[in-house]
Amino acid sequence: MPTYNKLLVASSKGGVGKSTTALGLAVAFAEAGKNVLLVDLDSDSRSLDMLMGAEDHAITDFGDVIDGGEVSAAAITPVSAIENLRLISACSVDKLAALAKDKEKTQAELVREGIERIIEEKDFDILVCDTGGGIQYACAVVELFDMTVITSEQGKTSIRGAEYAAAQLEAKGAGAMRLVICAFDLEAVKKEKRAGMIEMIDSSALSCVGVVPFDPKLQGMQDKGKLPDKKSTTAIAYGNIAKRISGYDVKLFDGMKKLYKQRTKAL
């Protein structure tokens, strides 16, 4: 299996687990011993620093990288317990717009230039970039990445949105693309209220690299700027996905005792 060390996380709409997935994968790779650089390209929501409780930590951000600042200066260590995980926060919409006006370039062009600088320095084992709810910036940079992870929730409209994003990104030179299904509700599948795994995969041309079960505690943790517990289904799920991206064969719901026993029902 090819080595994927530059991962772009994208979707065609917001609220489908994109930032959660970018952070979850970054943490999983870091805890596996990789030197991980997580970059927030979503100037609209700028959520990754808040999800990590580090909104007051950064002095510089991705906008400063675009403007010629040192990449190393913009990269902070937001979680003291994970020293090999660094974050470059997103810049504000106003800052990005001002830079574009000053440099007489489009915002997408500037975002690409910033990513090119980060990649050129090669100061990471794994690069994970979170993009906005649309795919404008993802389209601008996708060909620079080894793999694009497209997130979707369980609904048919969300799967269709993932398909649309994949088609747009493929036209812009995307290489490997994988689907991650977020907030998967097994109980709803058992009650035939939501689609199961086979139905979702059959309705999508994308290869699925993992499923993240619905966790009722996740939102509360994120609101407090805390990472999910290592034993939570969310953390285990992203650990499994990171292993699959790295070439390991990991079964559905591996490490989640209750869900693993019921995995055939998820299909």
C-alpha atoms as a PDB file:
ATOM      1  CA  MET A   1       0.000   0.000   0.000  1.00  0.00           C
ATOM      2  CA  PRO A   2       1.306   3.499  -0.829  1.00  0.00           C
ATOM      3  CA  THR A   3       2.458   5.752   1.983  1.00  0.00           C
ATOM      4  CA  TYR A   4       0.013   8.556   2.732  1.00  0.00           C
ATOM      5  CA  ASN A   5       1.541  11.292   4.845  1.00  0.00           C
ATOM      6  CA  LYS A   6      -0.245  14.394   3.548  1.00  0.00           C
ATOM      7  CA  LEU A   7      -3.965  14.193   4.305  1.00  0.00           C
ATOM      8  CA  LEU A   8      -6.612  16.704   3.269  1.00  0.00           C
ATOM      9  CA  VAL A   9      -9.968  16.522   5.066  1.00  0.00           C
ATOM     10  CA  ALA A  10     -12.833  17.927   3.012  1.00  0.00           C
ATOM     11  CA  SER A  11     -16.592  18.012   2.484  1.00  0.00           C
ATOM     12  CA  SER A  12     -19.026  19.950   0.341  1.00  0.00           C
ATOM     13  CA  LYS A  13     -21.041  21.094   3.350  1.00  0.00           C
ATOM     14  CA  GLY A  14     -20.559  21.950   7.005  1.00  0.00           C
ATOM     15  CA  GLY A  15     -21.588  19.955  10.033  1.00  0.00           C
ATOM     16  CA  VAL A  16     -20.566  16.523   8.772  1.00  0.00           C
ATOM     17  CA  GLY A  17     -17.628  15.837  11.087  1.00  0.00           C
ATOM     18  CA  LYS A  18     -14.840  17.376   9.056  1.00  0.00           C
ATOM     19  CA  SER A  19     -13.004  19.258  11.809  1.00  0.00           C
ATOM     20  CA  THR A  20     -13.639  16.437  14.280  1.00  0.00           C
ATOM     21  CA  THR A  21     -12.116  14.015  11.783  1.00  0.00           C
ATOM     22  CA  ALA A  22      -9.074  16.194  11.065  1.00  0.00           C
ATOM     23  CA  LEU A  23      -8.399  16.516  14.784  1.00  0.00           C
ATOM     24  CA  GLY A  24      -9.167  12.870  15.517  1.00  0.00           C
ATOM     25  CA  LEU A  25      -6.734  11.644  12.876  1.00  0.00           C
ATOM     26  CA  ALA A  26      -4.042  14.112  13.932  1.00  0.00           C
ATOM     27  CA  VAL A  27      -4.273  12.952  17.548  1.00  0.00           C
ATOM     28  CA  ALA A  28      -4.310   9.276  16.533  1.00  0.00           C
ATOM     29  CA  PHE A  29      -1.172   9.607  14.409  1.00  0.00           C
ATOM     30  CA  ALA A  30       0.584  11.648  17.099  1.00  0.00           C
ATOM     31  CA  GLU A  31      -0.199   9.088  19.775  1.00  0.00           C
ATOM     32  CA  ALA A  32       1.225   6.448  17.434  1.00  0.00           C
ATOM     33  CA  GLY A  33       4.549   8.313  17.624  1.00  0.00           C
ATOM     34  CA  LYS A  34       4.351  10.409  14.445  1.00  0.00           C
ATOM     35  CA  ASN A  35       5.378  14.056  14.258  1.00  0.00           C
ATOM     36  CA  VAL A  36       2.055  15.580  13.220  1.00  0.00           C
ATOM     37  CA  LEU A  37       1.311  19.052  11.886  1.00  0.00           C
ATOM     38  CA  LEU A  38      -2.396  19.962  11.879  1.00  0.00           C
ATOM     39  CA  VAL A  39      -3.386  22.988   9.798  1.00  0.00           C
ATOM     40  CA  ASP A  40      -6.740  24.761   9.933  1.00  0.00           C
ATOM     41  CA  LEU A  41      -7.686  26.247   6.560  1.00  0.00           C
ATOM     42  CA  ASP A  42     -11.277  26.984   7.563  1.00  0.00           C
ATOM     43  CA  SER A  43     -11.274  30.762   8.027  1.00  0.00           C
ATOM     44  CA  ASP A  44     -15.062  30.809   8.385  1.00  0.00           C
ATOM     45  CA  SER A  45     -15.347  28.706  11.532  1.00  0.00           C
ATOM     46  CA  ARG A  46     -11.723  28.573  12.813  1.00  0.00           C
ATOM     47  CA  SER A  47     -12.649  25.784  15.187  1.00  0.00           C
ATOM     48  CA  LEU A  48      -9.621  23.538  15.691  1.00  0.00           C
ATOM     49  CA  ASP A  49      -7.953  25.740  18.307  1.00  0.00           C
ATOM     50  CA  MET A  50     -11.231  25.887  20.241  1.00  0.00           C
ATOM     51  CA  LEU A  51     -11.732  22.123  20.025  1.00  0.00           C
ATOM     52  CA  MET A  52      -8.328  21.769  21.674  1.00  0.00           C
ATOM     53  CA  GLY A  53      -8.859  24.497  24.254  1.00  0.00           C
ATOM     54  CA  ALA A  54      -6.033  26.541  22.723  1.00  0.00           C
ATOM     55  CA  GLU A  55      -7.796  29.598  21.308  1.00  0.00           C
ATOM     56  CA  ASP A  56      -5.605  31.907  23.397  1.00  0.00           C
ATOM     57  CA  HIS A  57      -2.322  30.106  22.708  1.00  0.00           C
ATOM     58  CA  ALA A  58      -1.454  31.205  19.183  1.00  0.00           C
ATOM     59  CA  ILE A  59       0.287  34.508  18.511  1.00  0.00           C
ATOM     60  CA  THR A  60       0.573  33.890  14.766  1.00  0.00           C
ATOM     61  CA  ASP A  61      -1.566  31.829  12.406  1.00  0.00           C
ATOM     62  CA  PHE A  62      -1.872  30.540   8.837  1.00  0.00           C
ATOM     63  CA  GLY A  63      -2.267  34.087   7.572  1.00  0.00           C
ATOM     64  CA  ASP A  64       1.217  34.885   8.846  1.00  0.00           C
ATOM     65  CA  VAL A  65       2.566  31.845   6.978  1.00  0.00           C
ATOM     66  CA  ILE A  66       0.948  33.189   3.810  1.00  0.00           C
ATOM     67  CA  ASP A  67       2.520  36.587   4.507  1.00  0.00           C
ATOM     68  CA  GLY A  68       6.029  35.137   4.720  1.00  0.00           C
ATOM     69  CA  GLY A  69       6.241  34.351   8.441  1.00  0.00           C
ATOM     70  CA  GLU A  70       8.089  31.311   9.745  1.00  0.00           C
ATOM     71  CA  VAL A  71       6.073  28.112   9.682  1.00  0.00           C
ATOM     72  CA  SER A  72       7.702  27.003  12.914  1.00  0.00           C
ATOM     73  CA  ALA A  73       6.612  30.218  14.638  1.00  0.00           C
ATOM     74  CA  ALA A  74       2.974  29.682  13.661  1.00  0.00           C
ATOM     75  CA  ALA A  75       2.905  26.037  14.808  1.00  0.00           C
ATOM     76  CA  ILE A  76       1.912  25.742  18.469  1.00  0.00           C
ATOM     77  CA  THR A  77       1.736  22.685  20.732  1.00  0.00           C
ATOM     78  CA  PRO A  78      -1.863  22.980  21.955  1.00  0.00           C
ATOM     79  CA  VAL A  79      -1.950  19.786  24.034  1.00  0.00           C
ATOM     80  CA  SER A  80       0.970  19.538  26.454  1.00  0.00           C
ATOM     81  CA  ALA A  81       0.475  15.790  26.833  1.00  0.00           C
ATOM     82  CA  ILE A  82       1.010  15.297  23.079  1.00  0.00           C
ATOM     83  CA  GLU A  83       4.297  17.043  22.371  1.00  0.00           C
ATOM     84  CA  ASN A  84       4.561  15.787  18.800  1.00  0.00           C
ATOM     85  CA  LEU A  85       1.223  17.314  17.744  1.00  0.00           C
ATOM     86  CA  ARG A  86       1.411  20.918  16.518  1.00  0.00           C
ATOM     87  CA  LEU A  87      -1.338  23.169  15.214  1.00  0.00           C
ATOM     88  CA  ILE A  88      -1.356  26.114  12.837  1.00  0.00           C
ATOM     89  CA  SER A  89      -4.579  27.996  13.499  1.00  0.00           C
ATOM     90  CA  ALA A  90      -6.730  29.455  10.744  1.00  0.00           C
ATOM     91  CA  CYS A  91      -6.604  33.179  10.129  1.00  0.00           C
ATOM     92  CA  SER A  92      -9.760  35.276  10.139  1.00  0.00           C
ATOM     93  CA  VAL A  93     -11.814  35.916   7.013  1.00  0.00           C
ATOM     94  CA  ASP A  94     -10.959  39.611   7.207  1.00  0.00           C
ATOM     95  CA  LYS A  95      -7.232  38.927   7.476  1.00  0.00           C
ATOM     96  CA  LEU A  96      -7.284  36.582   4.486  1.00  0.00           C
ATOM     97  CA  ALA A  97      -9.289  39.078   2.437  1.00  0.00           C
ATOM     98  CA  ALA A  98      -6.864  41.884   3.326  1.00  0.00           C
ATOM     99  CA  LEU A  99      -3.875  39.749   2.327  1.00  0.00           C
ATOM    100  CA  ALA A 100      -5.525  38.900  -0.988  1.00  0.00           C
ATOM    101  CA  LYS A 101      -6.186  42.576  -1.707  1.00  0.00           C
ATOM    102  CA  ASP A 102      -2.656  43.602  -0.724  1.00  0.00           C
ATOM    103  CA  LYS A 103      -0.999  40.886  -2.812  1.00  0.00           C
ATOM    104  CA  GLU A 104      -3.499  41.186  -5.688  1.00  0.00           C
ATOM    105  CA  LYS A 105      -4.239  37.468  -5.660  1.00  0.00           C
ATOM    106  CA  THR A 106      -7.293  35.361  -4.933  1.00  0.00           C
ATOM    107  CA  GLN A 107      -7.734  33.913  -1.477  1.00  0.00           C
ATOM    108  CA  ALA A 108      -7.528  30.392  -2.922  1.00  0.00           C
ATOM    109  CA  GLU A 109      -4.174  31.230  -4.533  1.00  0.00           C
ATOM    110  CA  LEU A 110      -2.827  32.461  -1.203  1.00  0.00           C
ATOM    111  CA  VAL A 111      -4.047  29.354   0.626  1.00  0.00           C
ATOM    112  CA  ARG A 112      -2.228  27.202  -1.910  1.00  0.00           C
ATOM    113  CA  GLU A 113       0.969  29.225  -1.527  1.00  0.00           C
ATOM    114  CA  GLY A 114       0.814  28.788   2.232  1.00  0.00           C
ATOM    115  CA  ILE A 115       0.412  25.016   1.951  1.00  0.00           C
ATOM    116  CA  GLU A 116       3.248  24.836  -0.562  1.00  0.00           C
ATOM    117  CA  ARG A 117       5.529  26.586   1.945  1.00  0.00           C
ATOM    118  CA  ILE A 118       4.542  24.160   4.699  1.00  0.00           C
ATOM    119  CA  ILE A 119       5.141  21.128   2.489  1.00  0.00           C
ATOM    120  CA  GLU A 120       8.454  22.520   1.237  1.00  0.00           C
ATOM    121  CA  GLU A 121       9.800  22.727   4.803  1.00  0.00           C
ATOM    122  CA  LYS A 122       8.933  19.032   5.399  1.00  0.00           C
ATOM    123  CA  ASP A 123       8.864  19.495   9.165  1.00  0.00           C
ATOM    124  CA  PHE A 124       6.378  16.684   9.790  1.00  0.00           C
ATOM    125  CA  ASP A 125       5.821  12.963   9.445  1.00  0.00           C
ATOM    126  CA  ILE A 126       2.101  13.476   8.905  1.00  0.00           C
ATOM    127  CA  LEU A 127       0.389  16.637   7.650  1.00  0.00           C
ATOM    128  CA  VAL A 128      -3.367  16.912   8.239  1.00  0.00           C
ATOM    129  CA  CYS A 129      -5.288  19.885   6.826  1.00  0.00           C
ATOM    130  CA  ASP A 130      -8.869  20.786   7.639  1.00  0.00           C
ATOM    131  CA  THR A 131     -10.722  22.739   4.952  1.00  0.00           C
ATOM    132  CA  GLY A 132     -13.921  24.763   4.987  1.00  0.00           C
ATOM    133  CA  GLY A 133     -17.514  23.592   4.710  1.00  0.00           C
ATOM    134  CA  GLY A 134     -17.366  24.215   0.965  1.00  0.00           C
ATOM    135  CA  ILE A 135     -14.607  22.904  -1.293  1.00  0.00           C
ATOM    136  CA  GLN A 136     -13.136  26.109  -2.740  1.00  0.00           C
ATOM    137  CA  TYR A 137      -9.882  25.857  -0.806  1.00  0.00           C
ATOM    138  CA  ALA A 138      -9.821  22.075  -1.030  1.00  0.00           C
ATOM    139  CA  CYS A 139      -9.937  22.331  -4.820  1.00  0.00           C
ATOM    140  CA  ALA A 140      -7.060  24.812  -4.756  1.00  0.00           C
ATOM    141  CA  VAL A 141      -4.699  22.508  -2.851  1.00  0.00           C
ATOM    142  CA  VAL A 142      -5.937  18.935  -3.349  1.00  0.00           C
ATOM    143  CA  GLU A 143      -3.275  17.899  -5.862  1.00  0.00           C
ATOM    144  CA  LEU A 144      -0.589  18.644  -3.243  1.00  0.00           C
ATOM    145  CA  PHE A 145      -1.903  15.866  -0.976  1.00  0.00           C
ATOM    146  CA  ASP A 146      -1.466  12.095  -1.028  1.00  0.00           C
ATOM    147  CA  MET A 147      -4.988  11.363   0.183  1.00  0.00           C
ATOM    148  CA  THR A 148      -8.233  13.248   0.563  1.00  0.00           C
ATOM    149  CA  VAL A 149     -10.545  12.140   3.356  1.00  0.00           C
ATOM    150  CA  ILE A 150     -14.141  13.108   2.630  1.00  0.00           C
ATOM    151  CA  THR A 151     -16.512  13.102   5.577  1.00  0.00           C
ATOM    152  CA  SER A 152     -20.201  12.312   5.568  1.00  0.00           C
ATOM    153  CA  GLU A 153     -22.935  11.621   8.048  1.00  0.00           C
ATOM    154  CA  GLN A 154     -25.337   8.709   7.788  1.00  0.00           C
ATOM    155  CA  GLY A 155     -28.082  10.331   5.713  1.00  0.00           C
ATOM    156  CA  LYS A 156     -28.512   9.829   1.991  1.00  0.00           C
ATOM    157  CA  THR A 157     -28.250  13.562   1.274  1.00  0.00           C
ATOM    158  CA  SER A 158     -24.935  13.676   3.140  1.00  0.00           C
ATOM    159  CA  ILE A 159     -23.604  10.744   1.117  1.00  0.00           C
ATOM    160  CA  ARG A 160     -24.683  12.518  -2.066  1.00  0.00           C
ATOM    161  CA  GLY A 161     -22.831  15.622  -0.895  1.00  0.00           C
ATOM    162  CA  ALA A 162     -19.702  13.518  -0.393  1.00  0.00           C
ATOM    163  CA  GLU A 163     -20.070  12.189  -3.920  1.00  0.00           C
ATOM    164  CA  TYR A 164     -20.320  15.739  -5.268  1.00  0.00           C
ATOM    165  CA  ALA A 165     -17.213  16.794  -3.353  1.00  0.00           C
ATOM    166  CA  ALA A 166     -15.299  13.777  -4.670  1.00  0.00           C
ATOM    167  CA  ALA A 167     -16.231  14.568  -8.274  1.00  0.00           C
ATOM    168  CA  GLN A 168     -15.141  18.195  -7.930  1.00  0.00           C
ATOM    169  CA  LEU A 169     -11.865  17.261  -6.257  1.00  0.00           C
ATOM    170  CA  GLU A 170     -11.087  14.538  -8.771  1.00  0.00           C
ATOM    171  CA  ALA A 171     -11.416  17.127 -11.536  1.00  0.00           C
ATOM    172  CA  LYS A 172      -8.783  19.211  -9.727  1.00  0.00           C
ATOM    173  CA  GLY A 173      -6.237  16.411  -9.560  1.00  0.00           C
ATOM    174  CA  ALA A 174      -7.068  14.543  -6.363  1.00  0.00           C
ATOM    175  CA  GLY A 175      -5.274  11.255  -5.896  1.00  0.00           C
ATOM    176  CA  ALA A 176      -6.541   8.672  -3.437  1.00  0.00           C
ATOM    177  CA  MET A 177      -9.884   9.552  -1.853  1.00  0.00           C
ATOM    178  CA  ARG A 178     -11.531   7.806   1.083  1.00  0.00           C
ATOM    179  CA  LEU A 179     -14.875   8.208   2.832  1.00  0.00           C
ATOM    180  CA  VAL A 180     -15.271   8.504   6.611  1.00  0.00           C
ATOM    181  CA  ILE A 181     -18.807   8.107   7.937  1.00  0.00           C
ATOM    182  CA  CYS A 182     -19.300  10.174  11.098  1.00  0.00           C
ATOM    183  CA  ALA A 183     -21.877   9.973  13.904  1.00  0.00           C
ATOM    184  CA  PHE A 184     -22.942   6.476  12.831  1.00  0.00           C
ATOM    185  CA  ASP A 185     -26.033   5.486  14.847  1.00  0.00           C
ATOM    186  CA  LEU A 186     -26.198   1.691  15.109  1.00  0.00           C
ATOM    187  CA  GLU A 187     -29.405   1.750  17.148  1.00  0.00           C
ATOM    188  CA  ALA A 188     -31.154   3.673  14.351  1.00  0.00           C
ATOM    189  CA  VAL A 189     -29.958   1.083  11.825  1.00  0.00           C
ATOM    190  CA  LYS A 190     -31.344  -1.731  13.963  1.00  0.00           C
ATOM    191  CA  LYS A 191     -34.696   0.071  14.064  1.00  0.00           C
ATOM    192  CA  GLU A 192     -34.465   0.579  10.267  1.00  0.00           C
ATOM    193  CA  LYS A 193     -34.591   4.353  10.695  1.00  0.00           C
ATOM    194  CA  ARG A 194     -31.123   5.039   9.219  1.00  0.00           C
ATOM    195  CA  ALA A 195     -29.040   3.510   6.448  1.00  0.00           C
ATOM    196  CA  GLY A 196     -26.683   0.645   7.207  1.00  0.00           C
ATOM    197  CA  MET A 197     -23.094   0.309   6.019  1.00  0.00           C
ATOM    198  CA  ILE A 198     -23.805  -1.697   2.857  1.00  0.00           C
ATOM    199  CA  GLU A 199     -26.541   0.686   1.725  1.00  0.00           C
ATOM    200  CA  MET A 200     -24.276   3.707   2.232  1.00  0.00           C
ATOM    201  CA  ILE A 201     -21.261   2.152   0.535  1.00  0.00           C
ATOM    202  CA  ASP A 202     -23.371   0.884  -2.370  1.00  0.00           C
ATOM    203  CA  SER A 203     -24.733   4.412  -2.879  1.00  0.00           C
ATOM    204  CA  SER A 204     -21.220   5.862  -3.048  1.00  0.00           C
ATOM    205  CA  ALA A 205     -18.342   5.261  -5.433  1.00  0.00           C
ATOM    206  CA  LEU A 206     -15.915   6.157  -2.645  1.00  0.00           C
ATOM    207  CA  SER A 207     -14.018   3.532  -0.698  1.00  0.00           C
ATOM    208  CA  CYS A 208     -14.877   3.754   2.987  1.00  0.00           C
ATOM    209  CA  VAL A 209     -11.861   3.868   5.316  1.00  0.00           C
ATOM    210  CA  GLY A 210     -13.789   3.994   8.569  1.00  0.00           C
ATOM    211  CA  VAL A 211     -16.886   4.585  10.624  1.00  0.00           C
ATOM    212  CA  VAL A 212     -17.059   6.829  13.705  1.00  0.00           C
ATOM    213  CA  PRO A 213     -19.947   5.864  16.002  1.00  0.00           C
ATOM    214  CA  PHE A 214     -22.249   8.508  17.415  1.00  0.00           C
ATOM    215  CA  ASP A 215     -20.995   9.601  20.828  1.00  0.00           C
ATOM    216  CA  PRO A 216     -23.481  11.630  22.918  1.00  0.00           C
ATOM    217  CA  LYS A 217     -20.636  12.930  25.090  1.00  0.00           C
ATOM    218  CA  LEU A 218     -18.551  14.294  22.218  1.00  0.00           C
ATOM    219  CA  GLN A 219     -20.278  17.664  21.815  1.00  0.00           C
ATOM    220  CA  GLY A 220     -19.924  18.428  25.515  1.00  0.00           C
ATOM    221  CA  MET A 221     -16.220  17.599  25.421  1.00  0.00           C
ATOM    222  CA  GLN A 222     -15.683  19.797  22.371  1.00  0.00           C
ATOM    223  CA  ASP A 223     -17.550  22.705  23.947  1.00  0.00           C
ATOM    224  CA  LYS A 224     -15.092  22.510  26.856  1.00  0.00           C
ATOM    225  CA  GLY A 225     -12.077  22.321  24.533  1.00  0.00           C
ATOM    226  CA  LYS A 226     -11.191  18.821  25.683  1.00  0.00           C
ATOM    227  CA  LEU A 227     -10.124  15.829  23.632  1.00  0.00           C
ATOM    228  CA  PRO A 228     -12.193  12.649  23.829  1.00  0.00           C
ATOM    229  CA  ASP A 229     -10.961  10.111  26.356  1.00  0.00           C
ATOM    230  CA  LYS A 230      -8.554   7.572  24.840  1.00  0.00           C
ATOM    231  CA  LYS A 231     -11.003   4.781  25.698  1.00  0.00           C
ATOM    232  CA  SER A 232     -13.962   6.511  24.040  1.00  0.00           C
ATOM    233  CA  THR A 233     -15.462   5.077  20.862  1.00  0.00           C
ATOM    234  CA  THR A 234     -14.518   8.307  19.053  1.00  0.00           C
ATOM    235  CA  ALA A 235     -10.814   8.042  19.912  1.00  0.00           C
ATOM    236  CA  ILE A 236     -10.716   4.315  19.141  1.00  0.00           C
ATOM    237  CA  ALA A 237     -12.493   4.835  15.812  1.00  0.00           C
ATOM    238  CA  TYR A 238     -10.011   7.462  14.633  1.00  0.00           C
ATOM    239  CA  GLY A 239      -7.156   5.270  15.834  1.00  0.00           C
ATOM    240  CA  ASN A 240      -8.520   2.474  13.653  1.00  0.00           C
ATOM    241  CA  ILE A 241      -8.839   4.786  10.653  1.00  0.00           C
ATOM    242  CA  ALA A 242      -5.265   6.019  11.102  1.00  0.00           C
ATOM    243  CA  LYS A 243      -4.093   2.398  11.117  1.00  0.00           C
ATOM    244  CA  ARG A 244      -6.018   1.621   7.932  1.00  0.00           C
ATOM    245  CA  ILE A 245      -4.544   4.680   6.206  1.00  0.00           C
ATOM    246  CA  SER A 246      -1.132   3.360   7.282  1.00  0.00           C
ATOM    247  CA  GLY A 247      -1.827   0.027   5.575  1.00  0.00           C
ATOM    248  CA  TYR A 248      -3.049  -2.146   8.429  1.00  0.00           C
ATOM    249  CA  ASP A 249      -6.102  -4.402   8.186  1.00  0.00           C
ATOM    250  CA  VAL A 250      -8.405  -3.383  11.032  1.00  0.00           C
ATOM    251  CA  LYS A 251     -11.901  -4.805  11.424  1.00  0.00           C
ATOM    252  CA  LEU A 252     -15.015  -2.657  11.786  1.00  0.00           C
ATOM    253  CA  PHE A 253     -15.473  -1.466  15.390  1.00  0.00           C
ATOM    254  CA  ASP A 254     -12.253  -3.156  16.474  1.00  0.00           C
ATOM    255  CA  GLY A 255     -11.532  -2.310  20.111  1.00  0.00           C
ATOM    256  CA  MET A 256     -15.172  -1.388  20.858  1.00  0.00           C
ATOM    257  CA  LYS A 257     -16.488  -4.461  22.648  1.00  0.00           C
ATOM    258  CA  LYS A 258     -20.203  -3.698  22.565  1.00  0.00           C
ATOM    259  CA  LEU A 259     -20.251  -2.471  18.970  1.00  0.00           C
ATOM    260  CA  TYR A 260     -17.862  -5.163  17.733  1.00  0.00           C
ATOM    261  CA  LYS A 261     -20.256  -7.899  18.854  1.00  0.00           C
ATOM    262  CA  GLN A 262     -23.049  -6.213  16.901  1.00  0.00           C
ATOM    263  CA  ARG A 263     -20.996  -5.290  13.834  1.00  0.00           C
ATOM    264  CA  THR A 264     -22.980  -7.537  11.468  1.00  0.00           C
ATOM    265  CA  LYS A 265     -26.104  -5.533  12.363  1.00  0.00           C
ATOM    266  CA  ALA A 266     -24.348  -2.369  11.220  1.00  0.00           C
ATOM    267  CA  LEU A 267     -24.198  -3.760   7.708  1.00  0.00           C
END
